[in-house]
Structure formats: structure tokens, C-alpha cells
């Protein structure tokens, strides 16, 4: 997991969302987007709350994959490192949504 970049993690999450909820990026309010918030994160804005998203958004069999998909900070981070990971995730998600809305291919 640690070998994935933040961009790769977000791309994996976007690919999952593309399969489960095509057009999801149209529902995202970029002014309130905050991956650290269960309601303002990508899943929260798409499904109503982080925990209301389909279970397989965060779990793959018996393993947690929410962090590998950019829906959650890395599991082993705490404090300032965790906050920095969430802030970076939010910025990359914001850029991805803006890119999709502009129609520029990834």
C-alpha cells in the first residue's frame, strides 16, 4: 500500500466509483469537499455518508481497501501525518473532479 502514490490511490477510487455510480463527479461540491469528513468526502457526497457507500468501496473480501482507493487516509498514519494525507487526498480528488468536469481526458 505504501508504494501507491496519492494520485494512484485516487485514480483507483475513481475507477471504483465509475463502475458503481457513473457520473458521480457531477454530485461533488468542491467548496465543501473534505476527505476527512464522513459527509463531505467523495463517498459522503455521493451516497449521503461515508458509511452508506457500498461495503466493497472500503472492503475487498477481508481486507480494508478504503485507503488504497483514496477514500481514507493510510491506516498506519496518525496525528499530523494523517491530517496531511487527508489534505493531499482532498486536493487530488478536487483536481480529478475539476478535470472531469472540464472534459479534458485523464
PDB file of N, CA and C in Angstrom:
ATOM      1  N   UNK A   1       0.815  -1.190   0.000  1.00  0.00           N
ATOM      2  CA  UNK A   1       0.000   0.000   0.000  1.00  0.00           C
ATOM      3  C   UNK A   1       0.852   1.245   0.000  1.00  0.00           C
ATOM      4  N   UNK A   2       1.900   1.271   0.810  1.00  0.00           N
ATOM      5  CA  UNK A   2       2.736   2.456   0.930  1.00  0.00           C
ATOM      6  C   UNK A   2       3.409   2.806  -0.397  1.00  0.00           C
ATOM      7  N   UNK A   3       3.463   1.858  -1.323  1.00  0.00           N
ATOM      8  CA  UNK A   3       4.106   2.124  -2.598  1.00  0.00           C
ATOM      9  C   UNK A   3       3.188   2.842  -3.581  1.00  0.00           C
ATOM     10  N   UNK A   4       1.897   2.979  -3.269  1.00  0.00           N
ATOM     11  CA  UNK A   4       0.983   3.716  -4.129  1.00  0.00           C
ATOM     12  C   UNK A   4       1.066   5.207  -3.838  1.00  0.00           C
ATOM     13  N   UNK A   5       1.100   6.013  -4.884  1.00  0.00           N
ATOM     14  CA  UNK A   5       1.073   7.460  -4.691  1.00  0.00           C
ATOM     15  C   UNK A   5      -0.356   7.894  -4.372  1.00  0.00           C
ATOM     16  N   UNK A   6      -0.493   9.100  -3.900  1.00  0.00           N
ATOM     17  CA  UNK A   6      -1.828   9.623  -3.625  1.00  0.00           C
ATOM     18  C   UNK A   6      -2.642   9.664  -4.919  1.00  0.00           C
ATOM     19  N   UNK A   7      -2.017  10.055  -6.005  1.00  0.00           N
ATOM     20  CA  UNK A   7      -2.715  10.097  -7.295  1.00  0.00           C
ATOM     21  C   UNK A   7      -3.187   8.710  -7.701  1.00  0.00           C
ATOM     22  N   UNK A   8      -2.360   7.701  -7.520  1.00  0.00           N
ATOM     23  CA  UNK A   8      -2.757   6.322  -7.855  1.00  0.00           C
ATOM     24  C   UNK A   8      -3.909   5.857  -6.977  1.00  0.00           C
ATOM     25  N   UNK A   9      -3.877   6.235  -5.713  1.00  0.00           N
ATOM     26  CA  UNK A   9      -4.958   5.862  -4.807  1.00  0.00           C
ATOM     27  C   UNK A   9      -6.271   6.491  -5.248  1.00  0.00           C
ATOM     28  N   UNK A  10      -6.240   7.780  -5.586  1.00  0.00           N
ATOM     29  CA  UNK A  10      -7.445   8.484  -6.030  1.00  0.00           C
ATOM     30  C   UNK A  10      -7.930   7.908  -7.357  1.00  0.00           C
ATOM     31  N   UNK A  11      -7.030   7.607  -8.255  1.00  0.00           N
ATOM     32  CA  UNK A  11      -7.431   7.008  -9.529  1.00  0.00           C
ATOM     33  C   UNK A  11      -8.123   5.664  -9.310  1.00  0.00           C
ATOM     34  N   UNK A  12      -7.639   4.888  -8.353  1.00  0.00           N
ATOM     35  CA  UNK A  12      -8.282   3.606  -8.044  1.00  0.00           C
ATOM     36  C   UNK A  12      -9.688   3.828  -7.489  1.00  0.00           C
ATOM     37  N   UNK A  13      -9.850   4.820  -6.626  1.00  0.00           N
ATOM     38  CA  UNK A  13     -11.169   5.137  -6.094  1.00  0.00           C
ATOM     39  C   UNK A  13     -12.113   5.646  -7.175  1.00  0.00           C
ATOM     40  N   UNK A  14     -11.592   6.478  -8.052  1.00  0.00           N
ATOM     41  CA  UNK A  14     -12.416   6.994  -9.148  1.00  0.00           C
ATOM     42  C   UNK A  14     -12.852   5.865 -10.071  1.00  0.00           C
ATOM     43  N   UNK A  15     -11.959   4.928 -10.337  1.00  0.00           N
ATOM     44  CA  UNK A  15     -12.309   3.782 -11.183  1.00  0.00           C
ATOM     45  C   UNK A  15     -13.413   2.959 -10.523  1.00  0.00           C
ATOM     46  N   UNK A  16     -13.313   2.761  -9.202  1.00  0.00           N
ATOM     47  CA  UNK A  16     -14.354   2.023  -8.483  1.00  0.00           C
ATOM     48  C   UNK A  16     -15.685   2.775  -8.592  1.00  0.00           C
ATOM     49  N   UNK A  17     -15.652   4.086  -8.358  1.00  0.00           N
ATOM     50  CA  UNK A  17     -16.881   4.886  -8.450  1.00  0.00           C
ATOM     51  C   UNK A  17     -17.453   4.877  -9.863  1.00  0.00           C
ATOM     52  N   UNK A  18     -16.585   4.919 -10.869  1.00  0.00           N
ATOM     53  CA  UNK A  18     -17.064   4.884 -12.257  1.00  0.00           C
ATOM     54  C   UNK A  18     -17.883   3.625 -12.524  1.00  0.00           C
ATOM     55  N   UNK A  19     -17.484   2.532 -11.918  1.00  0.00           N
ATOM     56  CA  UNK A  19     -18.213   1.267 -12.085  1.00  0.00           C
ATOM     57  C   UNK A  19     -19.527   1.271 -11.301  1.00  0.00           C
ATOM     58  N   UNK A  20     -19.474   1.771 -10.069  1.00  0.00           N
ATOM     59  CA  UNK A  20     -20.635   1.689  -9.188  1.00  0.00           C
ATOM     60  C   UNK A  20     -21.639   2.829  -9.394  1.00  0.00           C
ATOM     61  N   UNK A  21     -21.139   4.002  -9.701  1.00  0.00           N
ATOM     62  CA  UNK A  21     -22.003   5.194  -9.761  1.00  0.00           C
ATOM     63  C   UNK A  21     -21.529   6.113 -10.894  1.00  0.00           C
ATOM     64  N   UNK A  22     -21.729   5.709 -12.147  1.00  0.00           N
ATOM     65  CA  UNK A  22     -21.289   6.539 -13.276  1.00  0.00           C
ATOM     66  C   UNK A  22     -21.785   7.982 -13.140  1.00  0.00           C
ATOM     67  N   UNK A  23     -20.915   8.918 -13.457  1.00  0.00           N
ATOM     68  CA  UNK A  23     -21.264  10.337 -13.367  1.00  0.00           C
ATOM     69  C   UNK A  23     -21.169  10.912 -11.971  1.00  0.00           C
ATOM     70  N   UNK A  24     -20.625  10.155 -11.041  1.00  0.00           N
ATOM     71  CA  UNK A  24     -20.529  10.560  -9.631  1.00  0.00           C
ATOM     72  C   UNK A  24     -19.931  11.951  -9.454  1.00  0.00           C
ATOM     73  N   UNK A  25     -18.987  12.350 -10.299  1.00  0.00           N
ATOM     74  CA  UNK A  25     -18.281  13.625 -10.114  1.00  0.00           C
ATOM     75  C   UNK A  25     -19.198  14.836 -10.273  1.00  0.00           C
ATOM     76  N   UNK A  26     -20.344  14.647 -10.895  1.00  0.00           N
ATOM     77  CA  UNK A  26     -21.301  15.754 -11.030  1.00  0.00           C
ATOM     78  C   UNK A  26     -21.956  16.106  -9.692  1.00  0.00           C
ATOM     79  N   UNK A  27     -21.935  15.195  -8.733  1.00  0.00           N
ATOM     80  CA  UNK A  27     -22.598  15.423  -7.441  1.00  0.00           C
ATOM     81  C   UNK A  27     -21.674  16.044  -6.398  1.00  0.00           C
ATOM     82  N   UNK A  28     -20.403  16.201  -6.719  1.00  0.00           N
ATOM     83  CA  UNK A  28     -19.424  16.661  -5.729  1.00  0.00           C
ATOM     84  C   UNK A  28     -19.406  18.182  -5.626  1.00  0.00           C
ATOM     85  N   UNK A  29     -19.597  18.681  -4.406  1.00  0.00           N
ATOM     86  CA  UNK A  29     -19.487  20.111  -4.117  1.00  0.00           C
ATOM     87  C   UNK A  29     -18.031  20.375  -3.755  1.00  0.00           C
ATOM     88  N   UNK A  30     -17.294  20.973  -4.670  1.00  0.00           N
ATOM     89  CA  UNK A  30     -15.864  21.190  -4.450  1.00  0.00           C
ATOM     90  C   UNK A  30     -15.581  22.182  -3.328  1.00  0.00           C
ATOM     91  N   UNK A  31     -16.526  23.061  -3.026  1.00  0.00           N
ATOM     92  CA  UNK A  31     -16.326  24.028  -1.942  1.00  0.00           C
ATOM     93  C   UNK A  31     -16.325  23.363  -0.572  1.00  0.00           C
ATOM     94  N   UNK A  32     -17.029  22.255  -0.447  1.00  0.00           N
ATOM     95  CA  UNK A  32     -17.092  21.579   0.855  1.00  0.00           C
ATOM     96  C   UNK A  32     -16.323  20.261   0.878  1.00  0.00           C
ATOM     97  N   UNK A  33     -15.776  19.841  -0.260  1.00  0.00           N
ATOM     98  CA  UNK A  33     -15.068  18.560  -0.329  1.00  0.00           C
ATOM     99  C   UNK A  33     -13.989  18.465   0.741  1.00  0.00           C
ATOM    100  N   UNK A  34     -14.037  17.402   1.519  1.00  0.00           N
ATOM    101  CA  UNK A  34     -13.063  17.151   2.588  1.00  0.00           C
ATOM    102  C   UNK A  34     -13.047  15.650   2.840  1.00  0.00           C
ATOM    103  N   UNK A  35     -12.004  14.991   2.390  1.00  0.00           N
ATOM    104  CA  UNK A  35     -11.926  13.535   2.508  1.00  0.00           C
ATOM    105  C   UNK A  35     -11.922  13.089   3.967  1.00  0.00           C
ATOM    106  N   UNK A  36     -11.521  13.936   4.883  1.00  0.00           N
ATOM    107  CA  UNK A  36     -11.515  13.582   6.310  1.00  0.00           C
ATOM    108  C   UNK A  36     -12.905  13.603   6.930  1.00  0.00           C
ATOM    109  N   UNK A  37     -13.897  14.114   6.206  1.00  0.00           N
ATOM    110  CA  UNK A  37     -15.256  14.217   6.730  1.00  0.00           C
ATOM    111  C   UNK A  37     -16.145  13.127   6.138  1.00  0.00           C
ATOM    112  N   UNK A  38     -16.858  12.419   6.992  1.00  0.00           N
ATOM    113  CA  UNK A  38     -17.738  11.336   6.530  1.00  0.00           C
ATOM    114  C   UNK A  38     -18.899  11.837   5.682  1.00  0.00           C
ATOM    115  N   UNK A  39     -19.249  13.104   5.793  1.00  0.00           N
ATOM    116  CA  UNK A  39     -20.345  13.647   4.994  1.00  0.00           C
ATOM    117  C   UNK A  39     -19.853  14.456   3.798  1.00  0.00           C
ATOM    118  N   UNK A  40     -18.701  15.092   3.914  1.00  0.00           N
ATOM    119  CA  UNK A  40     -18.196  15.962   2.848  1.00  0.00           C
ATOM    120  C   UNK A  40     -17.168  15.276   1.952  1.00  0.00           C
ATOM    121  N   UNK A  41     -16.837  14.025   2.244  1.00  0.00           N
ATOM    122  CA  UNK A  41     -15.889  13.289   1.405  1.00  0.00           C
ATOM    123  C   UNK A  41     -16.576  12.854   0.114  1.00  0.00           C
ATOM    124  N   UNK A  42     -15.837  12.267  -0.783  1.00  0.00           N
ATOM    125  CA  UNK A  42     -16.398  11.819  -2.059  1.00  0.00           C
ATOM    126  C   UNK A  42     -17.519  10.801  -1.836  1.00  0.00           C
ATOM    127  N   UNK A  43     -17.283   9.827  -0.974  1.00  0.00           N
ATOM    128  CA  UNK A  43     -18.320   8.827  -0.711  1.00  0.00           C
ATOM    129  C   UNK A  43     -19.521   9.459  -0.009  1.00  0.00           C
ATOM    130  N   UNK A  44     -19.256  10.336   0.945  1.00  0.00           N
ATOM    131  CA  UNK A  44     -20.337  11.003   1.657  1.00  0.00           C
ATOM    132  C   UNK A  44     -21.209  11.831   0.735  1.00  0.00           C
ATOM    133  N   UNK A  45     -20.583  12.566  -0.162  1.00  0.00           N
ATOM    134  CA  UNK A  45     -21.349  13.392  -1.089  1.00  0.00           C
ATOM    135  C   UNK A  45     -22.059  12.553  -2.151  1.00  0.00           C
ATOM    136  N   UNK A  46     -21.526  11.407  -2.462  1.00  0.00           N
ATOM    137  CA  UNK A  46     -22.125  10.554  -3.484  1.00  0.00           C
ATOM    138  C   UNK A  46     -23.247   9.684  -2.926  1.00  0.00           C
ATOM    139  N   UNK A  47     -23.064   9.194  -1.703  1.00  0.00           N
ATOM    140  CA  UNK A  47     -24.024   8.234  -1.125  1.00  0.00           C
ATOM    141  C   UNK A  47     -24.766   8.766   0.098  1.00  0.00           C
ATOM    142  N   UNK A  48     -24.459   9.968   0.553  1.00  0.00           N
ATOM    143  CA  UNK A  48     -25.117  10.532   1.723  1.00  0.00           C
ATOM    144  C   UNK A  48     -24.269  10.510   2.978  1.00  0.00           C
ATOM    145  N   UNK A  49     -23.379   9.542   3.100  1.00  0.00           N
ATOM    146  CA  UNK A  49     -22.456   9.414   4.236  1.00  0.00           C
ATOM    147  C   UNK A  49     -21.441   8.348   3.865  1.00  0.00           C
ATOM    148  N   UNK A  50     -20.233   8.504   4.364  1.00  0.00           N
ATOM    149  CA  UNK A  50     -19.158   7.530   4.100  1.00  0.00           C
ATOM    150  C   UNK A  50     -19.624   6.103   4.367  1.00  0.00           C
ATOM    151  N   UNK A  51     -20.329   5.908   5.483  1.00  0.00           N
ATOM    152  CA  UNK A  51     -20.754   4.555   5.865  1.00  0.00           C
ATOM    153  C   UNK A  51     -21.951   4.044   5.069  1.00  0.00           C
ATOM    154  N   UNK A  52     -22.604   4.908   4.284  1.00  0.00           N
ATOM    155  CA  UNK A  52     -23.724   4.476   3.457  1.00  0.00           C
ATOM    156  C   UNK A  52     -23.282   4.014   2.073  1.00  0.00           C
ATOM    157  N   UNK A  53     -22.014   4.230   1.750  1.00  0.00           N
ATOM    158  CA  UNK A  53     -21.491   3.739   0.470  1.00  0.00           C
ATOM    159  C   UNK A  53     -21.465   2.210   0.515  1.00  0.00           C
ATOM    160  N   UNK A  54     -21.533   1.572  -0.632  1.00  0.00           N
ATOM    161  CA  UNK A  54     -21.459   0.108  -0.630  1.00  0.00           C
ATOM    162  C   UNK A  54     -20.232  -0.382   0.136  1.00  0.00           C
ATOM    163  N   UNK A  55     -20.420  -1.472   0.842  1.00  0.00           N
ATOM    164  CA  UNK A  55     -19.361  -2.038   1.681  1.00  0.00           C
ATOM    165  C   UNK A  55     -18.072  -2.277   0.896  1.00  0.00           C
ATOM    166  N   UNK A  56     -18.199  -2.717  -0.348  1.00  0.00           N
ATOM    167  CA  UNK A  56     -16.995  -3.050  -1.116  1.00  0.00           C
ATOM    168  C   UNK A  56     -16.228  -1.818  -1.586  1.00  0.00           C
ATOM    169  N   UNK A  57     -16.726  -0.618  -1.318  1.00  0.00           N
ATOM    170  CA  UNK A  57     -15.930   0.586  -1.573  1.00  0.00           C
ATOM    171  C   UNK A  57     -14.739   0.620  -0.627  1.00  0.00           C
ATOM    172  N   UNK A  58     -14.946   0.062   0.562  1.00  0.00           N
ATOM    173  CA  UNK A  58     -13.927   0.126   1.605  1.00  0.00           C
ATOM    174  C   UNK A  58     -13.302  -1.226   1.938  1.00  0.00           C
ATOM    175  N   UNK A  59     -13.984  -2.297   1.609  1.00  0.00           N
ATOM    176  CA  UNK A  59     -13.511  -3.637   1.964  1.00  0.00           C
ATOM    177  C   UNK A  59     -13.505  -4.548   0.748  1.00  0.00           C
ATOM    178  N   UNK A  60     -12.443  -5.300   0.582  1.00  0.00           N
ATOM    179  CA  UNK A  60     -12.320  -6.250  -0.523  1.00  0.00           C
ATOM    180  C   UNK A  60     -12.100  -7.624   0.105  1.00  0.00           C
ATOM    181  N   UNK A  61     -13.150  -8.399   0.206  1.00  0.00           N
ATOM    182  CA  UNK A  61     -13.035  -9.668   0.919  1.00  0.00           C
ATOM    183  C   UNK A  61     -12.872  -9.396   2.402  1.00  0.00           C
ATOM    184  N   UNK A  62     -11.687  -9.671   2.918  1.00  0.00           N
ATOM    185  CA  UNK A  62     -11.423  -9.476   4.349  1.00  0.00           C
ATOM    186  C   UNK A  62     -10.419  -8.356   4.605  1.00  0.00           C
ATOM    187  N   UNK A  63     -10.057  -7.612   3.575  1.00  0.00           N
ATOM    188  CA  UNK A  63      -9.048  -6.564   3.734  1.00  0.00           C
ATOM    189  C   UNK A  63      -9.656  -5.178   3.523  1.00  0.00           C
ATOM    190  N   UNK A  64      -9.208  -4.218   4.317  1.00  0.00           N
ATOM    191  CA  UNK A  64      -9.625  -2.828   4.169  1.00  0.00           C
ATOM    192  C   UNK A  64      -8.919  -2.237   2.950  1.00  0.00           C
ATOM    193  N   UNK A  65      -9.677  -1.679   2.016  1.00  0.00           N
ATOM    194  CA  UNK A  65      -9.091  -1.081   0.816  1.00  0.00           C
ATOM    195  C   UNK A  65      -9.488   0.391   0.652  1.00  0.00           C
ATOM    196  N   UNK A  66     -10.156   0.944   1.634  1.00  0.00           N
ATOM    197  CA  UNK A  66     -10.563   2.345   1.555  1.00  0.00           C
ATOM    198  C   UNK A  66      -9.385   3.282   1.386  1.00  0.00           C
ATOM    199  N   UNK A  67      -8.260   2.952   2.005  1.00  0.00           N
ATOM    200  CA  UNK A  67      -7.071   3.787   1.859  1.00  0.00           C
ATOM    201  C   UNK A  67      -6.423   3.608   0.486  1.00  0.00           C
ATOM    202  N   UNK A  68      -6.452   2.404  -0.050  1.00  0.00           N
ATOM    203  CA  UNK A  68      -5.880   2.144  -1.374  1.00  0.00           C
ATOM    204  C   UNK A  68      -6.700   2.806  -2.474  1.00  0.00           C
ATOM    205  N   UNK A  69      -7.942   3.140  -2.173  1.00  0.00           N
ATOM    206  CA  UNK A  69      -8.814   3.797  -3.147  1.00  0.00           C
ATOM    207  C   UNK A  69      -8.955   5.292  -2.875  1.00  0.00           C
ATOM    208  N   UNK A  70      -8.170   5.809  -1.952  1.00  0.00           N
ATOM    209  CA  UNK A  70      -8.192   7.238  -1.687  1.00  0.00           C
ATOM    210  C   UNK A  70      -9.423   7.736  -0.975  1.00  0.00           C
ATOM    211  N   UNK A  71     -10.187   6.820  -0.385  1.00  0.00           N
ATOM    212  CA  UNK A  71     -11.380   7.199   0.372  1.00  0.00           C
ATOM    213  C   UNK A  71     -11.059   7.427   1.847  1.00  0.00           C
ATOM    214  N   UNK A  72      -9.850   7.094   2.258  1.00  0.00           N
ATOM    215  CA  UNK A  72      -9.450   7.133   3.668  1.00  0.00           C
ATOM    216  C   UNK A  72      -7.951   7.355   3.722  1.00  0.00           C
ATOM    217  N   UNK A  73      -7.476   7.929   4.817  1.00  0.00           N
ATOM    218  CA  UNK A  73      -6.024   8.080   4.973  1.00  0.00           C
ATOM    219  C   UNK A  73      -5.395   6.698   5.152  1.00  0.00           C
ATOM    220  N   UNK A  74      -4.100   6.640   4.983  1.00  0.00           N
ATOM    221  CA  UNK A  74      -3.396   5.377   5.193  1.00  0.00           C
ATOM    222  C   UNK A  74      -3.604   4.925   6.628  1.00  0.00           C
ATOM    223  N   UNK A  75      -3.854   3.653   6.809  1.00  0.00           N
ATOM    224  CA  UNK A  75      -4.230   3.096   8.109  1.00  0.00           C
ATOM    225  C   UNK A  75      -3.177   3.300   9.189  1.00  0.00           C
ATOM    226  N   UNK A  76      -1.905   3.363   8.820  1.00  0.00           N
ATOM    227  CA  UNK A  76      -0.857   3.458   9.835  1.00  0.00           C
ATOM    228  C   UNK A  76      -0.473   4.894  10.178  1.00  0.00           C
ATOM    229  N   UNK A  77      -1.184   5.874   9.648  1.00  0.00           N
ATOM    230  CA  UNK A  77      -0.881   7.272   9.927  1.00  0.00           C
ATOM    231  C   UNK A  77      -1.718   7.797  11.082  1.00  0.00           C
ATOM    232  N   UNK A  78      -1.134   8.730  11.828  1.00  0.00           N
ATOM    233  CA  UNK A  78      -1.824   9.345  12.966  1.00  0.00           C
ATOM    234  C   UNK A  78      -1.399  10.805  13.068  1.00  0.00           C
ATOM    235  N   UNK A  79      -2.184  11.592  13.743  1.00  0.00           N
ATOM    236  CA  UNK A  79      -1.826  12.983  14.018  1.00  0.00           C
ATOM    237  C   UNK A  79      -1.601  13.810  12.775  1.00  0.00           C
ATOM    238  N   UNK A  80      -0.472  14.529  12.768  1.00  0.00           N
ATOM    239  CA  UNK A  80      -0.174  15.440  11.658  1.00  0.00           C
ATOM    240  C   UNK A  80       0.008  14.705  10.338  1.00  0.00           C
ATOM    241  N   UNK A  81       0.574  13.517  10.368  1.00  0.00           N
ATOM    242  CA  UNK A  81       0.772  12.753   9.133  1.00  0.00           C
ATOM    243  C   UNK A  81      -0.572  12.339   8.540  1.00  0.00           C
ATOM    244  N   UNK A  82      -1.498  11.948   9.394  1.00  0.00           N
ATOM    245  CA  UNK A  82      -2.834  11.585   8.930  1.00  0.00           C
ATOM    246  C   UNK A  82      -3.549  12.811   8.347  1.00  0.00           C
ATOM    247  N   UNK A  83      -3.461  13.937   9.041  1.00  0.00           N
ATOM    248  CA  UNK A  83      -4.089  15.171   8.558  1.00  0.00           C
ATOM    249  C   UNK A  83      -3.504  15.592   7.211  1.00  0.00           C
ATOM    250  N   UNK A  84      -2.191  15.446   7.052  1.00  0.00           N
ATOM    251  CA  UNK A  84      -1.539  15.799   5.786  1.00  0.00           C
ATOM    252  C   UNK A  84      -1.987  14.868   4.665  1.00  0.00           C
ATOM    253  N   UNK A  85      -2.162  13.584   4.971  1.00  0.00           N
ATOM    254  CA  UNK A  85      -2.625  12.627   3.971  1.00  0.00           C
ATOM    255  C   UNK A  85      -4.041  12.984   3.527  1.00  0.00           C
ATOM    256  N   UNK A  86      -4.914  13.283   4.475  1.00  0.00           N
ATOM    257  CA  UNK A  86      -6.278  13.682   4.134  1.00  0.00           C
ATOM    258  C   UNK A  86      -6.286  14.964   3.296  1.00  0.00           C
ATOM    259  N   UNK A  87      -5.472  15.936   3.665  1.00  0.00           N
ATOM    260  CA  UNK A  87      -5.419  17.197   2.910  1.00  0.00           C
ATOM    261  C   UNK A  87      -4.944  16.947   1.483  1.00  0.00           C
ATOM    262  N   UNK A  88      -3.929  16.117   1.321  1.00  0.00           N
ATOM    263  CA  UNK A  88      -3.419  15.801  -0.014  1.00  0.00           C
ATOM    264  C   UNK A  88      -4.469  15.036  -0.825  1.00  0.00           C
ATOM    265  N   UNK A  89      -5.143  14.090  -0.194  1.00  0.00           N
ATOM    266  CA  UNK A  89      -6.207  13.354  -0.874  1.00  0.00           C
ATOM    267  C   UNK A  89      -7.304  14.300  -1.353  1.00  0.00           C
ATOM    268  N   UNK A  90      -7.697  15.222  -0.498  1.00  0.00           N
ATOM    269  CA  UNK A  90      -8.741  16.174  -0.860  1.00  0.00           C
ATOM    270  C   UNK A  90      -8.330  16.981  -2.088  1.00  0.00           C
ATOM    271  N   UNK A  91      -7.085  17.431  -2.122  1.00  0.00           N
ATOM    272  CA  UNK A  91      -6.620  18.229  -3.259  1.00  0.00           C
ATOM    273  C   UNK A  91      -6.578  17.418  -4.546  1.00  0.00           C
ATOM    274  N   UNK A  92      -6.147  16.162  -4.471  1.00  0.00           N
ATOM    275  CA  UNK A  92      -6.083  15.330  -5.671  1.00  0.00           C
ATOM    276  C   UNK A  92      -7.492  14.976  -6.149  1.00  0.00           C
ATOM    277  N   UNK A  93      -8.406  14.665  -5.220  1.00  0.00           N
ATOM    278  CA  UNK A  93      -9.800  14.425  -5.607  1.00  0.00           C
ATOM    279  C   UNK A  93     -10.378  15.676  -6.268  1.00  0.00           C
ATOM    280  N   UNK A  94     -10.119  16.843  -5.686  1.00  0.00           N
ATOM    281  CA  UNK A  94     -10.640  18.093  -6.245  1.00  0.00           C
ATOM    282  C   UNK A  94     -10.127  18.286  -7.675  1.00  0.00           C
ATOM    283  N   UNK A  95      -8.845  18.066  -7.882  1.00  0.00           N
ATOM    284  CA  UNK A  95      -8.256  18.219  -9.216  1.00  0.00           C
ATOM    285  C   UNK A  95      -8.869  17.231 -10.202  1.00  0.00           C
ATOM    286  N   UNK A  96      -9.100  16.000  -9.756  1.00  0.00           N
ATOM    287  CA  UNK A  96      -9.690  14.994 -10.635  1.00  0.00           C
ATOM    288  C   UNK A  96     -11.105  15.384 -11.039  1.00  0.00           C
ATOM    289  N   UNK A  97     -11.906  15.846 -10.087  1.00  0.00           N
ATOM    290  CA  UNK A  97     -13.271  16.265 -10.390  1.00  0.00           C
ATOM    291  C   UNK A  97     -13.253  17.456 -11.350  1.00  0.00           C
ATOM    292  N   UNK A  98     -12.392  18.428 -11.098  1.00  0.00           N
ATOM    293  CA  UNK A  98     -12.293  19.587 -11.985  1.00  0.00           C
ATOM    294  C   UNK A  98     -11.896  19.159 -13.397  1.00  0.00           C
ATOM    295  N   UNK A  99     -10.960  18.223 -13.486  1.00  0.00           N
ATOM    296  CA  UNK A  99     -10.509  17.730 -14.788  1.00  0.00           C
ATOM    297  C   UNK A  99     -11.663  17.055 -15.533  1.00  0.00           C
ATOM    298  N   UNK A 100     -12.396  16.219 -14.833  1.00  0.00           N
ATOM    299  CA  UNK A 100     -13.528  15.536 -15.478  1.00  0.00           C
ATOM    300  C   UNK A 100     -14.605  16.513 -15.918  1.00  0.00           C
ATOM    301  N   UNK A 101     -14.860  17.506 -15.111  1.00  0.00           N
ATOM    302  CA  UNK A 101     -15.877  18.489 -15.471  1.00  0.00           C
ATOM    303  C   UNK A 101     -15.452  19.348 -16.657  1.00  0.00           C
ATOM    304  N   UNK A 102     -14.153  19.509 -16.832  1.00  0.00           N
ATOM    305  CA  UNK A 102     -13.660  20.309 -17.960  1.00  0.00           C
ATOM    306  C   UNK A 102     -13.684  19.521 -19.250  1.00  0.00           C
ATOM    307  N   UNK A 103     -13.836  18.198 -19.144  1.00  0.00           N
ATOM    308  CA  UNK A 103     -13.865  17.348 -20.328  1.00  0.00           C
ATOM    309  C   UNK A 103     -12.492  16.970 -20.847  1.00  0.00           C
ATOM    310  N   UNK A 104     -11.445  17.354 -20.118  1.00  0.00           N
ATOM    311  CA  UNK A 104     -10.083  17.003 -20.525  1.00  0.00           C
ATOM    312  C   UNK A 104      -9.813  15.563 -20.116  1.00  0.00           C
ATOM    313  N   UNK A 105      -9.409  14.712 -21.041  1.00  0.00           N
ATOM    314  CA  UNK A 105      -9.135  13.312 -20.672  1.00  0.00           C
ATOM    315  C   UNK A 105      -7.979  13.201 -19.682  1.00  0.00           C
ATOM    316  N   UNK A 106      -8.085  12.201 -18.830  1.00  0.00           N
ATOM    317  CA  UNK A 106      -7.034  11.969 -17.814  1.00  0.00           C
ATOM    318  C   UNK A 106      -5.777  11.448 -18.448  1.00  0.00           C
TER     319      UNK A 106
END
